[in-house]
Amino acid sequence: MIMMTKCPKCRKEVMKHRKIWKYGTFTVRAYFCPFCQTKFMDYEKQGRNSFTLRLEKGRGYVKA
């Protein structure tokens, strides 16, 4: 199943995740936006998106 998500910075659709893993009760999918070069992660719980973290220079991962 192909999961599509939107980049939290430029709002364009990103189709392919780079990595997927379990973190406690969450399923984490790491993405890289080819349009604006933003790295971000979607945290899902029971098939629904709980929150998104994006990488900001000098601050690390922050809630998007």
C-alpha atoms as a PDB file:
ATOM      1  CA  MET A   1       0.000   0.000   0.000  1.00  0.00           C
ATOM      2  CA  ILE A   2       1.425   3.360  -1.031  1.00  0.00           C
ATOM      3  CA  MET A   3       1.175   6.024   1.648  1.00  0.00           C
ATOM      4  CA  MET A   4       1.090   9.629   0.482  1.00  0.00           C
ATOM      5  CA  THR A   5       1.749  12.537   2.781  1.00  0.00           C
ATOM      6  CA  LYS A   6       2.265  16.262   2.374  1.00  0.00           C
ATOM      7  CA  CYS A   7       5.497  18.037   3.195  1.00  0.00           C
ATOM      8  CA  PRO A   8       4.964  20.269   6.254  1.00  0.00           C
ATOM      9  CA  LYS A   9       7.073  23.040   4.688  1.00  0.00           C
ATOM     10  CA  CYS A  10       6.033  23.306   1.007  1.00  0.00           C
ATOM     11  CA  ARG A  11       2.752  21.284   1.211  1.00  0.00           C
ATOM     12  CA  LYS A  12       3.577  19.189  -1.891  1.00  0.00           C
ATOM     13  CA  GLU A  13       2.782  15.471  -1.894  1.00  0.00           C
ATOM     14  CA  VAL A  14       5.594  13.051  -1.115  1.00  0.00           C
ATOM     15  CA  MET A  15       4.862   9.468  -2.087  1.00  0.00           C
ATOM     16  CA  LYS A  16       7.784   7.338  -0.961  1.00  0.00           C
ATOM     17  CA  HIS A  17       9.057   7.035   2.589  1.00  0.00           C
ATOM     18  CA  ARG A  18      12.755   6.447   3.210  1.00  0.00           C
ATOM     19  CA  LYS A  19      12.465   4.311   6.331  1.00  0.00           C
ATOM     20  CA  ILE A  20       9.759   2.818   8.540  1.00  0.00           C
ATOM     21  CA  TRP A  21       9.989   1.515  12.128  1.00  0.00           C
ATOM     22  CA  LYS A  22       8.004   0.976  15.309  1.00  0.00           C
ATOM     23  CA  TYR A  23       8.496   3.327  18.270  1.00  0.00           C
ATOM     24  CA  GLY A  24       6.416   2.132  21.202  1.00  0.00           C
ATOM     25  CA  THR A  25       2.784   2.259  20.058  1.00  0.00           C
ATOM     26  CA  PHE A  26       3.634   4.449  17.043  1.00  0.00           C
ATOM     27  CA  THR A  27       4.613   3.540  13.507  1.00  0.00           C
ATOM     28  CA  VAL A  28       7.156   6.084  12.286  1.00  0.00           C
ATOM     29  CA  ARG A  29       7.742   6.885   8.625  1.00  0.00           C
ATOM     30  CA  ALA A  30      10.712   9.060   7.632  1.00  0.00           C
ATOM     31  CA  TYR A  31      10.400  11.138   4.461  1.00  0.00           C
ATOM     32  CA  PHE A  32      12.566  13.433   2.363  1.00  0.00           C
ATOM     33  CA  CYS A  33      10.859  16.087   0.229  1.00  0.00           C
ATOM     34  CA  PRO A  34      12.559  16.311  -3.195  1.00  0.00           C
ATOM     35  CA  PHE A  35      11.058  19.761  -3.804  1.00  0.00           C
ATOM     36  CA  CYS A  36      12.332  21.709  -0.761  1.00  0.00           C
ATOM     37  CA  GLN A  37      14.856  19.159   0.672  1.00  0.00           C
ATOM     38  CA  THR A  38      13.067  18.928   4.028  1.00  0.00           C
ATOM     39  CA  LYS A  39      13.410  15.829   6.196  1.00  0.00           C
ATOM     40  CA  PHE A  40      10.351  14.951   8.273  1.00  0.00           C
ATOM     41  CA  MET A  41       8.754  12.058  10.141  1.00  0.00           C
ATOM     42  CA  ASP A  42       5.096  11.067  10.479  1.00  0.00           C
ATOM     43  CA  TYR A  43       4.046   9.298  13.681  1.00  0.00           C
ATOM     44  CA  GLU A  44       0.974   7.097  13.240  1.00  0.00           C
ATOM     45  CA  LYS A  45      -1.117   5.331  15.852  1.00  0.00           C
ATOM     46  CA  GLN A  46      -3.809   2.828  14.833  1.00  0.00           C
ATOM     47  CA  GLY A  47      -3.517   3.870  11.177  1.00  0.00           C
ATOM     48  CA  ARG A  48      -4.085   7.586  11.818  1.00  0.00           C
ATOM     49  CA  ASN A  49      -1.494  10.366  11.770  1.00  0.00           C
ATOM     50  CA  SER A  50      -0.832  11.544  15.341  1.00  0.00           C
ATOM     51  CA  PHE A  51       1.816  14.196  14.681  1.00  0.00           C
ATOM     52  CA  THR A  52       4.630  15.209  12.345  1.00  0.00           C
ATOM     53  CA  LEU A  53       8.180  16.287  13.182  1.00  0.00           C
ATOM     54  CA  ARG A  54      10.377  18.179  10.722  1.00  0.00           C
ATOM     55  CA  LEU A  55      14.094  18.858  10.825  1.00  0.00           C
ATOM     56  CA  GLU A  56      15.083  22.503  11.319  1.00  0.00           C
ATOM     57  CA  LYS A  57      18.653  23.664  11.055  1.00  0.00           C
ATOM     58  CA  GLY A  58      20.078  24.520  14.476  1.00  0.00           C
ATOM     59  CA  ARG A  59      17.010  23.222  16.371  1.00  0.00           C
ATOM     60  CA  GLY A  60      16.752  19.538  15.434  1.00  0.00           C
ATOM     61  CA  TYR A  61      13.327  17.933  14.991  1.00  0.00           C
ATOM     62  CA  VAL A  62      10.412  20.218  15.892  1.00  0.00           C
ATOM     63  CA  LYS A  63       6.678  19.654  15.799  1.00  0.00           C
ATOM     64  CA  ALA A  64       5.251  20.724  12.438  1.00  0.00           C
END
